[in-house]
Amino acid sequence: NDPRVKLRELPSRKVAAYEYSGTWSESRYNEKLAHFQ
């Protein structure tokens, strides 16, 4: 009912996934992202 919600199908895709624990802070995310890259 809400026009802000969109539905779509994502195709099959190859994804590299890096797992970590801890807080959801942007600083921790950026730290882990730099290591992942």
Full PDB file with SEQRES, HELIX, SHEET, SSBOND, CRYST1, ORIGX, SCALE, CONECT and MASTER records, all heavy atoms in Angstrom:
SEQRES   1 A   37  ASN ASP PRO ARG VAL LYS LEU ARG GLU LEU PRO SER ARG          
SEQRES   2 A   37  LYS VAL ALA ALA TYR GLU TYR SER GLY THR TRP SER GLU          
SEQRES   3 A   37  SER ARG TYR ASN GLU LYS LEU ALA HIS PHE GLN                  
HELIX    1 AA1 GLU A   26  PHE A   36  1                                  11    
CRYST1    1.000    1.000    1.000  90.00  90.00  90.00 P 1           1          
ORIGX1      1.000000  0.000000  0.000000        0.00000                         
ORIGX2      0.000000  1.000000  0.000000        0.00000                         
ORIGX3      0.000000  0.000000  1.000000        0.00000                         
SCALE1      1.000000  0.000000  0.000000        0.00000                         
SCALE2      0.000000  1.000000  0.000000        0.00000                         
SCALE3      0.000000  0.000000  1.000000        0.00000                         
ATOM      1  N   ASN A   1       0.831  -1.206   0.000  1.00  0.00           N  
ATOM      2  CA  ASN A   1       0.000   0.000   0.000  1.00  0.00           C  
ATOM      3  C   ASN A   1       0.862   1.250   0.000  1.00  0.00           C  
ATOM      4  O   ASN A   1       0.442   2.299  -0.507  1.00  0.00           O  
ATOM      5  CB  ASN A   1      -0.915   0.012   1.229  1.00  0.00           C  
ATOM      6  CG  ASN A   1      -2.010  -1.036   1.159  1.00  0.00           C  
ATOM      7  OD1 ASN A   1      -2.514  -1.351   0.082  1.00  0.00           O  
ATOM      8  ND2 ASN A   1      -2.374  -1.589   2.305  1.00  0.00           N  
ATOM      9  N   ASP A   2       2.027   1.157   0.581  1.00  0.00           N  
ATOM     10  CA  ASP A   2       2.937   2.294   0.696  1.00  0.00           C  
ATOM     11  C   ASP A   2       3.783   2.387  -0.577  1.00  0.00           C  
ATOM     12  O   ASP A   2       4.541   1.466  -0.883  1.00  0.00           O  
ATOM     13  CB  ASP A   2       3.839   2.101   1.920  1.00  0.00           C  
ATOM     14  CG  ASP A   2       4.682   3.323   2.249  1.00  0.00           C  
ATOM     15  OD1 ASP A   2       4.945   4.130   1.336  1.00  0.00           O  
ATOM     16  OD2 ASP A   2       5.072   3.473   3.422  1.00  0.00           O  
ATOM     17  N   PRO A   3       3.689   3.473  -1.321  1.00  0.00           N  
ATOM     18  CA  PRO A   3       4.450   3.589  -2.570  1.00  0.00           C  
ATOM     19  C   PRO A   3       5.961   3.633  -2.363  1.00  0.00           C  
ATOM     20  O   PRO A   3       6.716   3.476  -3.325  1.00  0.00           O  
ATOM     21  CB  PRO A   3       3.939   4.909  -3.176  1.00  0.00           C  
ATOM     22  CG  PRO A   3       3.424   5.692  -2.014  1.00  0.00           C  
ATOM     23  CD  PRO A   3       2.853   4.672  -1.064  1.00  0.00           C  
ATOM     24  N   ARG A   4       6.396   3.821  -1.134  1.00  0.00           N  
ATOM     25  CA  ARG A   4       7.845   3.821  -0.867  1.00  0.00           C  
ATOM     26  C   ARG A   4       8.421   2.414  -0.892  1.00  0.00           C  
ATOM     27  O   ARG A   4       9.640   2.242  -0.975  1.00  0.00           O  
ATOM     28  CB  ARG A   4       8.126   4.469   0.492  1.00  0.00           C  
ATOM     29  CG  ARG A   4       7.779   5.948   0.567  1.00  0.00           C  
ATOM     30  CD  ARG A   4       7.945   6.469   1.982  1.00  0.00           C  
ATOM     31  NE  ARG A   4       6.996   5.850   2.907  1.00  0.00           N  
ATOM     32  CZ  ARG A   4       6.940   6.092   4.213  1.00  0.00           C  
ATOM     33  NH1 ARG A   4       7.804   6.955   4.747  1.00  0.00           N  
ATOM     34  NH2 ARG A   4       6.044   5.493   4.964  1.00  0.00           N  
ATOM     35  N   VAL A   5       7.571   1.398  -0.809  1.00  0.00           N  
ATOM     36  CA  VAL A   5       8.025   0.006  -0.839  1.00  0.00           C  
ATOM     37  C   VAL A   5       7.978  -0.497  -2.280  1.00  0.00           C  
ATOM     38  O   VAL A   5       6.927  -0.474  -2.924  1.00  0.00           O  
ATOM     39  CB  VAL A   5       7.146  -0.893   0.051  1.00  0.00           C  
ATOM     40  CG1 VAL A   5       7.613  -2.347  -0.037  1.00  0.00           C  
ATOM     41  CG2 VAL A   5       7.181  -0.411   1.495  1.00  0.00           C  
ATOM     42  N   LYS A   6       9.101  -0.925  -2.784  1.00  0.00           N  
ATOM     43  CA  LYS A   6       9.205  -1.455  -4.136  1.00  0.00           C  
ATOM     44  C   LYS A   6       9.555  -2.939  -4.087  1.00  0.00           C  
ATOM     45  O   LYS A   6      10.334  -3.373  -3.237  1.00  0.00           O  
ATOM     46  CB  LYS A   6      10.284  -0.713  -4.932  1.00  0.00           C  
ATOM     47  CG  LYS A   6      10.142   0.805  -4.931  1.00  0.00           C  
ATOM     48  CD  LYS A   6       8.857   1.262  -5.580  1.00  0.00           C  
ATOM     49  CE  LYS A   6       8.778   2.785  -5.614  1.00  0.00           C  
ATOM     50  NZ  LYS A   6       7.474   3.254  -6.148  1.00  0.00           N  
ATOM     51  N   LEU A   7       8.994  -3.703  -5.004  1.00  0.00           N  
ATOM     52  CA  LEU A   7       9.276  -5.129  -5.114  1.00  0.00           C  
ATOM     53  C   LEU A   7      10.054  -5.378  -6.397  1.00  0.00           C  
ATOM     54  O   LEU A   7       9.720  -4.836  -7.450  1.00  0.00           O  
ATOM     55  CB  LEU A   7       7.981  -5.937  -5.146  1.00  0.00           C  
ATOM     56  CG  LEU A   7       7.063  -5.787  -3.931  1.00  0.00           C  
ATOM     57  CD1 LEU A   7       5.721  -6.462  -4.213  1.00  0.00           C  
ATOM     58  CD2 LEU A   7       7.702  -6.388  -2.687  1.00  0.00           C  
ATOM     59  N   ARG A   8      11.100  -6.187  -6.295  1.00  0.00           N  
ATOM     60  CA  ARG A   8      11.834  -6.550  -7.510  1.00  0.00           C  
ATOM     61  C   ARG A   8      12.566  -7.872  -7.310  1.00  0.00           C  
ATOM     62  O   ARG A   8      12.801  -8.299  -6.174  1.00  0.00           O  
ATOM     63  CB  ARG A   8      12.794  -5.462  -7.954  1.00  0.00           C  
ATOM     64  CG  ARG A   8      13.999  -5.213  -7.074  1.00  0.00           C  
ATOM     65  CD  ARG A   8      14.756  -3.989  -7.587  1.00  0.00           C  
ATOM     66  NE  ARG A   8      15.919  -3.685  -6.775  1.00  0.00           N  
ATOM     67  CZ  ARG A   8      17.167  -3.938  -7.141  1.00  0.00           C  
ATOM     68  NH1 ARG A   8      17.418  -4.520  -8.296  1.00  0.00           N  
ATOM     69  NH2 ARG A   8      18.187  -3.611  -6.355  1.00  0.00           N  
ATOM     70  N   GLU A   9      12.892  -8.490  -8.429  1.00  0.00           N  
ATOM     71  CA  GLU A   9      13.616  -9.758  -8.384  1.00  0.00           C  
ATOM     72  C   GLU A   9      15.081  -9.514  -8.690  1.00  0.00           C  
ATOM     73  O   GLU A   9      15.420  -8.905  -9.707  1.00  0.00           O  
ATOM     74  CB  GLU A   9      13.031 -10.736  -9.395  1.00  0.00           C  
ATOM     75  CG  GLU A   9      13.634 -12.129  -9.312  1.00  0.00           C  
ATOM     76  CD  GLU A   9      12.981 -13.097 -10.276  1.00  0.00           C  
ATOM     77  OE1 GLU A   9      13.328 -13.042 -11.483  1.00  0.00           O  
ATOM     78  OE2 GLU A   9      12.122 -13.887  -9.846  1.00  0.00           O  
ATOM     79  N   LEU A  10      15.950  -9.968  -7.800  1.00  0.00           N  
ATOM     80  CA  LEU A  10      17.381  -9.895  -8.040  1.00  0.00           C  
ATOM     81  C   LEU A  10      17.810 -11.156  -8.782  1.00  0.00           C  
ATOM     82  O   LEU A  10      17.431 -12.263  -8.399  1.00  0.00           O  
ATOM     83  CB  LEU A  10      18.145  -9.798  -6.719  1.00  0.00           C  
ATOM     84  CG  LEU A  10      17.791  -8.634  -5.791  1.00  0.00           C  
ATOM     85  CD1 LEU A  10      18.689  -8.679  -4.548  1.00  0.00           C  
ATOM     86  CD2 LEU A  10      17.949  -7.293  -6.498  1.00  0.00           C  
ATOM     87  N   PRO A  11      18.593 -11.036  -9.841  1.00  0.00           N  
ATOM     88  CA  PRO A  11      19.035 -12.226 -10.569  1.00  0.00           C  
ATOM     89  C   PRO A  11      20.070 -12.994  -9.752  1.00  0.00           C  
ATOM     90  O   PRO A  11      20.586 -12.502  -8.745  1.00  0.00           O  
ATOM     91  CB  PRO A  11      19.659 -11.632 -11.837  1.00  0.00           C  
ATOM     92  CG  PRO A  11      20.140 -10.276 -11.403  1.00  0.00           C  
ATOM     93  CD  PRO A  11      19.129  -9.786 -10.395  1.00  0.00           C  
ATOM     94  N   SER A  12      20.372 -14.195 -10.180  1.00  0.00           N  
ATOM     95  CA  SER A  12      21.452 -14.941  -9.532  1.00  0.00           C  
ATOM     96  C   SER A  12      22.736 -14.137  -9.689  1.00  0.00           C  
ATOM     97  O   SER A  12      22.942 -13.449 -10.699  1.00  0.00           O  
ATOM     98  CB  SER A  12      21.601 -16.327 -10.158  1.00  0.00           C  
ATOM     99  OG  SER A  12      21.910 -16.215 -11.530  1.00  0.00           O  
ATOM    100  N   ARG A  13      23.597 -14.200  -8.678  1.00  0.00           N  
ATOM    101  CA  ARG A  13      24.786 -13.357  -8.699  1.00  0.00           C  
ATOM    102  C   ARG A  13      25.889 -13.987  -7.863  1.00  0.00           C  
ATOM    103  O   ARG A  13      25.627 -14.740  -6.932  1.00  0.00           O  
ATOM    104  CB  ARG A  13      24.458 -11.958  -8.177  1.00  0.00           C  
ATOM    105  CG  ARG A  13      23.954 -11.938  -6.743  1.00  0.00           C  
ATOM    106  CD  ARG A  13      23.054 -10.726  -6.479  1.00  0.00           C  
ATOM    107  NE  ARG A  13      22.762 -10.541  -5.066  1.00  0.00           N  
ATOM    108  CZ  ARG A  13      21.824 -11.217  -4.400  1.00  0.00           C  
ATOM    109  NH1 ARG A  13      21.110 -12.134  -5.026  1.00  0.00           N  
ATOM    110  NH2 ARG A  13      21.613 -10.981  -3.123  1.00  0.00           N  
ATOM    111  N   LYS A  14      27.119 -13.653  -8.215  1.00  0.00           N  
ATOM    112  CA  LYS A  14      28.280 -14.124  -7.468  1.00  0.00           C  
ATOM    113  C   LYS A  14      28.699 -13.025  -6.499  1.00  0.00           C  
ATOM    114  O   LYS A  14      28.957 -11.886  -6.900  1.00  0.00           O  
ATOM    115  CB  LYS A  14      29.429 -14.478  -8.402  1.00  0.00           C  
ATOM    116  CG  LYS A  14      30.623 -15.107  -7.689  1.00  0.00           C  
ATOM    117  CD  LYS A  14      31.762 -15.409  -8.642  1.00  0.00           C  
ATOM    118  CE  LYS A  14      31.452 -16.616  -9.494  1.00  0.00           C  
ATOM    119  NZ  LYS A  14      32.653 -17.017 -10.306  1.00  0.00           N  
ATOM    120  N   VAL A  15      28.765 -13.370  -5.219  1.00  0.00           N  
ATOM    121  CA  VAL A  15      28.993 -12.387  -4.165  1.00  0.00           C  
ATOM    122  C   VAL A  15      30.161 -12.818  -3.292  1.00  0.00           C  
ATOM    123  O   VAL A  15      30.228 -13.968  -2.848  1.00  0.00           O  
ATOM    124  CB  VAL A  15      27.718 -12.235  -3.289  1.00  0.00           C  
ATOM    125  CG1 VAL A  15      27.991 -11.385  -2.066  1.00  0.00           C  
ATOM    126  CG2 VAL A  15      26.580 -11.643  -4.113  1.00  0.00           C  
ATOM    127  N   ALA A  16      31.082 -11.895  -3.056  1.00  0.00           N  
ATOM    128  CA  ALA A  16      32.119 -12.109  -2.047  1.00  0.00           C  
ATOM    129  C   ALA A  16      31.572 -11.604  -0.720  1.00  0.00           C  
ATOM    130  O   ALA A  16      31.048 -10.484  -0.645  1.00  0.00           O  
ATOM    131  CB  ALA A  16      33.398 -11.368  -2.416  1.00  0.00           C  
ATOM    132  N   ALA A  17      31.643 -12.429   0.316  1.00  0.00           N  
ATOM    133  CA  ALA A  17      31.044 -12.108   1.617  1.00  0.00           C  
ATOM    134  C   ALA A  17      32.102 -12.161   2.711  1.00  0.00           C  
ATOM    135  O   ALA A  17      32.812 -13.157   2.855  1.00  0.00           O  
ATOM    136  CB  ALA A  17      29.912 -13.088   1.936  1.00  0.00           C  
ATOM    137  N   TYR A  18      32.165 -11.082   3.467  1.00  0.00           N  
ATOM    138  CA  TYR A  18      33.135 -10.939   4.556  1.00  0.00           C  
ATOM    139  C   TYR A  18      32.358 -10.848   5.865  1.00  0.00           C  
ATOM    140  O   TYR A  18      31.545  -9.945   6.044  1.00  0.00           O  
ATOM    141  CB  TYR A  18      33.958  -9.678   4.322  1.00  0.00           C  
ATOM    142  CG  TYR A  18      34.953  -9.326   5.401  1.00  0.00           C  
ATOM    143  CD1 TYR A  18      36.278  -9.727   5.315  1.00  0.00           C  
ATOM    144  CD2 TYR A  18      34.571  -8.549   6.492  1.00  0.00           C  
ATOM    145  CE1 TYR A  18      37.204  -9.379   6.291  1.00  0.00           C  
ATOM    146  CE2 TYR A  18      35.483  -8.199   7.477  1.00  0.00           C  
ATOM    147  CZ  TYR A  18      36.793  -8.611   7.370  1.00  0.00           C  
ATOM    148  OH  TYR A  18      37.705  -8.259   8.341  1.00  0.00           O  
ATOM    149  N   GLU A  19      32.573 -11.783   6.761  1.00  0.00           N  
ATOM    150  CA  GLU A  19      31.815 -11.835   8.019  1.00  0.00           C  
ATOM    151  C   GLU A  19      32.617 -11.261   9.175  1.00  0.00           C  
ATOM    152  O   GLU A  19      33.827 -11.472   9.267  1.00  0.00           O  
ATOM    153  CB  GLU A  19      31.428 -13.285   8.335  1.00  0.00           C  
ATOM    154  CG  GLU A  19      30.565 -13.432   9.586  1.00  0.00           C  
ATOM    155  CD  GLU A  19      30.096 -14.855   9.824  1.00  0.00           C  
ATOM    156  OE1 GLU A  19      30.107 -15.662   8.867  1.00  0.00           O  
ATOM    157  OE2 GLU A  19      29.718 -15.176  10.968  1.00  0.00           O  
ATOM    158  N   TYR A  20      31.909 -10.528  10.044  1.00  0.00           N  
ATOM    159  CA  TYR A  20      32.547 -10.036  11.266  1.00  0.00           C  
ATOM    160  C   TYR A  20      31.492  -9.858  12.343  1.00  0.00           C  
ATOM    161  O   TYR A  20      30.296  -9.749  12.062  1.00  0.00           O  
ATOM    162  CB  TYR A  20      33.305  -8.726  11.017  1.00  0.00           C  
ATOM    163  CG  TYR A  20      32.450  -7.508  10.739  1.00  0.00           C  
ATOM    164  CD1 TYR A  20      32.131  -6.607  11.745  1.00  0.00           C  
ATOM    165  CD2 TYR A  20      31.987  -7.238   9.455  1.00  0.00           C  
ATOM    166  CE1 TYR A  20      31.367  -5.473  11.492  1.00  0.00           C  
ATOM    167  CE2 TYR A  20      31.228  -6.110   9.188  1.00  0.00           C  
ATOM    168  CZ  TYR A  20      30.926  -5.233  10.213  1.00  0.00           C  
ATOM    169  OH  TYR A  20      30.163  -4.116   9.958  1.00  0.00           O  
ATOM    170  N   SER A  21      31.930  -9.834  13.587  1.00  0.00           N  
ATOM    171  CA  SER A  21      31.019  -9.609  14.712  1.00  0.00           C  
ATOM    172  C   SER A  21      31.231  -8.208  15.243  1.00  0.00           C  
ATOM    173  O   SER A  21      32.137  -7.492  14.808  1.00  0.00           O  
ATOM    174  CB  SER A  21      31.274 -10.640  15.814  1.00  0.00           C  
ATOM    175  OG  SER A  21      32.591 -10.506  16.308  1.00  0.00           O  
ATOM    176  N   GLY A  22      30.386  -7.829  16.181  1.00  0.00           N  
ATOM    177  CA  GLY A  22      30.578  -6.532  16.813  1.00  0.00           C  
ATOM    178  C   GLY A  22      29.461  -5.559  16.526  1.00  0.00           C  
ATOM    179  O   GLY A  22      28.400  -5.925  16.015  1.00  0.00           O  
ATOM    180  N   THR A  23      29.700  -4.308  16.854  1.00  0.00           N  
ATOM    181  CA  THR A  23      28.676  -3.268  16.764  1.00  0.00           C  
ATOM    182  C   THR A  23      28.341  -2.952  15.312  1.00  0.00           C  
ATOM    183  O   THR A  23      29.055  -3.360  14.380  1.00  0.00           O  
ATOM    184  CB  THR A  23      29.151  -1.982  17.453  1.00  0.00           C  
ATOM    185  OG1 THR A  23      30.206  -1.401  16.664  1.00  0.00           O  
ATOM    186  CG2 THR A  23      29.656  -2.265  18.863  1.00  0.00           C  
ATOM    187  N   TRP A  24      27.257  -2.180  15.153  1.00  0.00           N  
ATOM    188  CA  TRP A  24      26.833  -1.747  13.827  1.00  0.00           C  
ATOM    189  C   TRP A  24      27.328  -0.340  13.502  1.00  0.00           C  
ATOM    190  O   TRP A  24      26.809   0.313  12.614  1.00  0.00           O  
ATOM    191  CB  TRP A  24      25.301  -1.776  13.741  1.00  0.00           C  
ATOM    192  CG  TRP A  24      24.722  -3.145  13.819  1.00  0.00           C  
ATOM    193  CD1 TRP A  24      25.354  -4.328  13.591  1.00  0.00           C  
ATOM    194  CD2 TRP A  24      23.370  -3.485  14.147  1.00  0.00           C  
ATOM    195  NE1 TRP A  24      24.480  -5.380  13.747  1.00  0.00           N  
ATOM    196  CE2 TRP A  24      23.250  -4.896  14.093  1.00  0.00           C  
ATOM    197  CE3 TRP A  24      22.242  -2.741  14.469  1.00  0.00           C  
ATOM    198  CZ2 TRP A  24      22.058  -5.564  14.361  1.00  0.00           C  
ATOM    199  CZ3 TRP A  24      21.049  -3.402  14.737  1.00  0.00           C  
ATOM    200  CH2 TRP A  24      20.963  -4.803  14.679  1.00  0.00           C  
ATOM    201  N   SER A  25      28.337   0.123  14.203  1.00  0.00           N  
ATOM    202  CA  SER A  25      28.802   1.489  14.007  1.00  0.00           C  
ATOM    203  C   SER A  25      29.431   1.657  12.629  1.00  0.00           C  
ATOM    204  O   SER A  25      29.994   0.715  12.049  1.00  0.00           O  
ATOM    205  CB  SER A  25      29.819   1.871  15.081  1.00  0.00           C  
ATOM    206  OG  SER A  25      31.037   1.175  14.879  1.00  0.00           O  
ATOM    207  N   GLU A  26      29.346   2.874  12.123  1.00  0.00           N  
ATOM    208  CA  GLU A  26      29.930   3.166  10.821  1.00  0.00           C  
ATOM    209  C   GLU A  26      31.447   3.038  10.859  1.00  0.00           C  
ATOM    210  O   GLU A  26      32.070   2.581   9.895  1.00  0.00           O  
ATOM    211  CB  GLU A  26      29.528   4.570  10.372  1.00  0.00           C  
ATOM    212  CG  GLU A  26      29.989   4.909   8.969  1.00  0.00           C  
ATOM    213  CD  GLU A  26      29.436   6.234   8.469  1.00  0.00           C  
ATOM    214  OE1 GLU A  26      28.912   7.012   9.290  1.00  0.00           O  
ATOM    215  OE2 GLU A  26      29.532   6.480   7.248  1.00  0.00           O  
ATOM    216  N   SER A  27      32.059   3.418  11.978  1.00  0.00           N  
ATOM    217  CA  SER A  27      33.511   3.338  12.071  1.00  0.00           C  
ATOM    218  C   SER A  27      33.993   1.885  12.004  1.00  0.00           C  
ATOM    219  O   SER A  27      34.986   1.580  11.337  1.00  0.00           O  
ATOM    220  CB  SER A  27      34.002   3.998  13.362  1.00  0.00           C  
ATOM    221  OG  SER A  27      33.460   3.354  14.505  1.00  0.00           O  
ATOM    222  N   ARG A  28      33.284   0.978  12.695  1.00  0.00           N  
ATOM    223  CA  ARG A  28      33.683  -0.442  12.640  1.00  0.00           C  
ATOM    224  C   ARG A  28      33.437  -1.001  11.244  1.00  0.00           C  
ATOM    225  O   ARG A  28      34.262  -1.764  10.714  1.00  0.00           O  
ATOM    226  CB  ARG A  28      32.918  -1.255  13.691  1.00  0.00           C  
ATOM    227  CG  ARG A  28      33.362  -2.722  13.737  1.00  0.00           C  
ATOM    228  CD  ARG A  28      32.870  -3.438  14.972  1.00  0.00           C  
ATOM    229  NE  ARG A  28      33.278  -4.833  15.019  1.00  0.00           N  
ATOM    230  CZ  ARG A  28      34.475  -5.265  15.393  1.00  0.00           C  
ATOM    231  NH1 ARG A  28      35.402  -4.398  15.756  1.00  0.00           N  
ATOM    232  NH2 ARG A  28      34.760  -6.555  15.405  1.00  0.00           N  
ATOM    233  N   TYR A  29      32.315  -0.624  10.641  1.00  0.00           N  
ATOM    234  CA  TYR A  29      32.023  -1.069   9.278  1.00  0.00           C  
ATOM    235  C   TYR A  29      33.125  -0.618   8.318  1.00  0.00           C  
ATOM    236  O   TYR A  29      33.624  -1.404   7.508  1.00  0.00           O  
ATOM    237  CB  TYR A  29      30.667  -0.513   8.845  1.00  0.00           C  
ATOM    238  CG  TYR A  29      30.381  -0.680   7.376  1.00  0.00           C  
ATOM    239  CD1 TYR A  29      29.895  -1.877   6.862  1.00  0.00           C  
ATOM    240  CD2 TYR A  29      30.605   0.376   6.478  1.00  0.00           C  
ATOM    241  CE1 TYR A  29      29.636  -2.030   5.504  1.00  0.00           C  
ATOM    242  CE2 TYR A  29      30.353   0.231   5.134  1.00  0.00           C  
ATOM    243  CZ  TYR A  29      29.871  -0.966   4.646  1.00  0.00           C  
ATOM    244  OH  TYR A  29      29.626  -1.115   3.299  1.00  0.00           O  
ATOM    245  N   ASN A  30      33.523   0.647   8.400  1.00  0.00           N  
ATOM    246  CA  ASN A  30      34.554   1.162   7.499  1.00  0.00           C  
ATOM    247  C   ASN A  30      35.896   0.470   7.723  1.00  0.00           C  
ATOM    248  O   ASN A  30      36.645   0.212   6.772  1.00  0.00           O  
ATOM    249  CB  ASN A  30      34.701   2.672   7.684  1.00  0.00           C  
ATOM    250  CG  ASN A  30      33.547   3.438   7.063  1.00  0.00           C  
ATOM    251  OD1 ASN A  30      32.916   2.969   6.121  1.00  0.00           O  
ATOM    252  ND2 ASN A  30      33.260   4.613   7.590  1.00  0.00           N  
ATOM    253  N   GLU A  31      36.190   0.170   8.973  1.00  0.00           N  
ATOM    254  CA  GLU A  31      37.425  -0.556   9.290  1.00  0.00           C  
ATOM    255  C   GLU A  31      37.424  -1.937   8.634  1.00  0.00           C  
ATOM    256  O   GLU A  31      38.405  -2.358   8.006  1.00  0.00           O  
ATOM    257  CB  GLU A  31      37.566  -0.693  10.807  1.00  0.00           C  
ATOM    258  CG  GLU A  31      38.716  -1.559  11.259  1.00  0.00           C  
ATOM    259  CD  GLU A  31      38.643  -1.899  12.744  1.00  0.00           C  
ATOM    260  OE1 GLU A  31      37.870  -1.249  13.476  1.00  0.00           O  
ATOM    261  OE2 GLU A  31      39.354  -2.834  13.166  1.00  0.00           O  
ATOM    262  N   LYS A  32      36.304  -2.651   8.766  1.00  0.00           N  
ATOM    263  CA  LYS A  32      36.206  -3.997   8.194  1.00  0.00           C  
ATOM    264  C   LYS A  32      36.152  -3.944   6.671  1.00  0.00           C  
ATOM    265  O   LYS A  32      36.709  -4.817   5.981  1.00  0.00           O  
ATOM    266  CB  LYS A  32      34.975  -4.706   8.754  1.00  0.00           C  
ATOM    267  CG  LYS A  32      35.032  -4.941  10.260  1.00  0.00           C  
ATOM    268  CD  LYS A  32      36.223  -5.807  10.642  1.00  0.00           C  
ATOM    269  CE  LYS A  32      36.273  -6.090  12.127  1.00  0.00           C  
ATOM    270  NZ  LYS A  32      37.439  -6.928  12.497  1.00  0.00           N  
ATOM    271  N   LEU A  33      35.482  -2.928   6.129  1.00  0.00           N  
ATOM    272  CA  LEU A  33      35.402  -2.788   4.677  1.00  0.00           C  
ATOM    273  C   LEU A  33      36.787  -2.572   4.074  1.00  0.00           C  
ATOM    274  O   LEU A  33      37.121  -3.160   3.037  1.00  0.00           O  
ATOM    275  CB  LEU A  33      34.478  -1.630   4.315  1.00  0.00           C  
ATOM    276  CG  LEU A  33      34.374  -1.289   2.825  1.00  0.00           C  
ATOM    277  CD1 LEU A  33      33.858  -2.478   2.028  1.00  0.00           C  
ATOM    278  CD2 LEU A  33      33.475  -0.065   2.615  1.00  0.00           C  
ATOM    279  N   ALA A  34      37.605  -1.753   4.723  1.00  0.00           N  
ATOM    280  CA  ALA A  34      38.957  -1.496   4.221  1.00  0.00           C  
ATOM    281  C   ALA A  34      39.773  -2.795   4.190  1.00  0.00           C  
ATOM    282  O   ALA A  34      40.499  -3.068   3.221  1.00  0.00           O  
ATOM    283  CB  ALA A  34      39.647  -0.446   5.084  1.00  0.00           C  
ATOM    284  N   HIS A  35      39.633  -3.599   5.243  1.00  0.00           N  
ATOM    285  CA  HIS A  35      40.346  -4.883   5.282  1.00  0.00           C  
ATOM    286  C   HIS A  35      39.834  -5.820   4.196  1.00  0.00           C  
ATOM    287  O   HIS A  35      40.621  -6.491   3.508  1.00  0.00           O  
ATOM    288  CB  HIS A  35      40.182  -5.521   6.656  1.00  0.00           C  
ATOM    289  CG  HIS A  35      40.921  -6.808   6.823  1.00  0.00           C  
ATOM    290  ND1 HIS A  35      40.295  -8.042   6.831  1.00  0.00           N  
ATOM    291  CD2 HIS A  35      42.250  -7.070   6.951  1.00  0.00           C  
ATOM    292  CE1 HIS A  35      41.198  -8.994   6.975  1.00  0.00           C  
ATOM    293  NE2 HIS A  35      42.389  -8.440   7.050  1.00  0.00           N  
ATOM    294  N   PHE A  36      38.523  -5.865   4.013  1.00  0.00           N  
ATOM    295  CA  PHE A  36      37.904  -6.707   2.995  1.00  0.00           C  
ATOM    296  C   PHE A  36      38.404  -6.315   1.604  1.00  0.00           C  
ATOM    297  O   PHE A  36      38.780  -7.169   0.786  1.00  0.00           O  
ATOM    298  CB  PHE A  36      36.388  -6.553   3.095  1.00  0.00           C  
ATOM    299  CG  PHE A  36      35.574  -7.413   2.171  1.00  0.00           C  
ATOM    300  CD1 PHE A  36      36.060  -8.597   1.639  1.00  0.00           C  
ATOM    301  CD2 PHE A  36      34.276  -7.040   1.839  1.00  0.00           C  
ATOM    302  CE1 PHE A  36      35.296  -9.391   0.800  1.00  0.00           C  
ATOM    303  CE2 PHE A  36      33.495  -7.823   1.008  1.00  0.00           C  
ATOM    304  CZ  PHE A  36      34.008  -8.987   0.482  1.00  0.00           C  
ATOM    305  N   GLN A  37      38.420  -5.020   1.319  1.00  0.00           N  
ATOM    306  CA  GLN A  37      38.845  -4.550  -0.002  1.00  0.00           C  
ATOM    307  C   GLN A  37      40.301  -4.909  -0.276  1.00  0.00           C  
ATOM    308  O   GLN A  37      40.668  -5.271  -1.396  1.00  0.00           O  
ATOM    309  CB  GLN A  37      38.619  -3.039  -0.111  1.00  0.00           C  
ATOM    310  CG  GLN A  37      37.139  -2.666  -0.182  1.00  0.00           C  
ATOM    311  CD  GLN A  37      36.890  -1.181  -0.094  1.00  0.00           C  
ATOM    312  OE1 GLN A  37      37.628  -0.450   0.572  1.00  0.00           O  
ATOM    313  NE2 GLN A  37      35.842  -0.714  -0.765  1.00  0.00           N  
TER     314      GLN A  37                                                      
MASTER        0    0    0    1    0    0    0    6  313    1    0    3          
END                                                                             
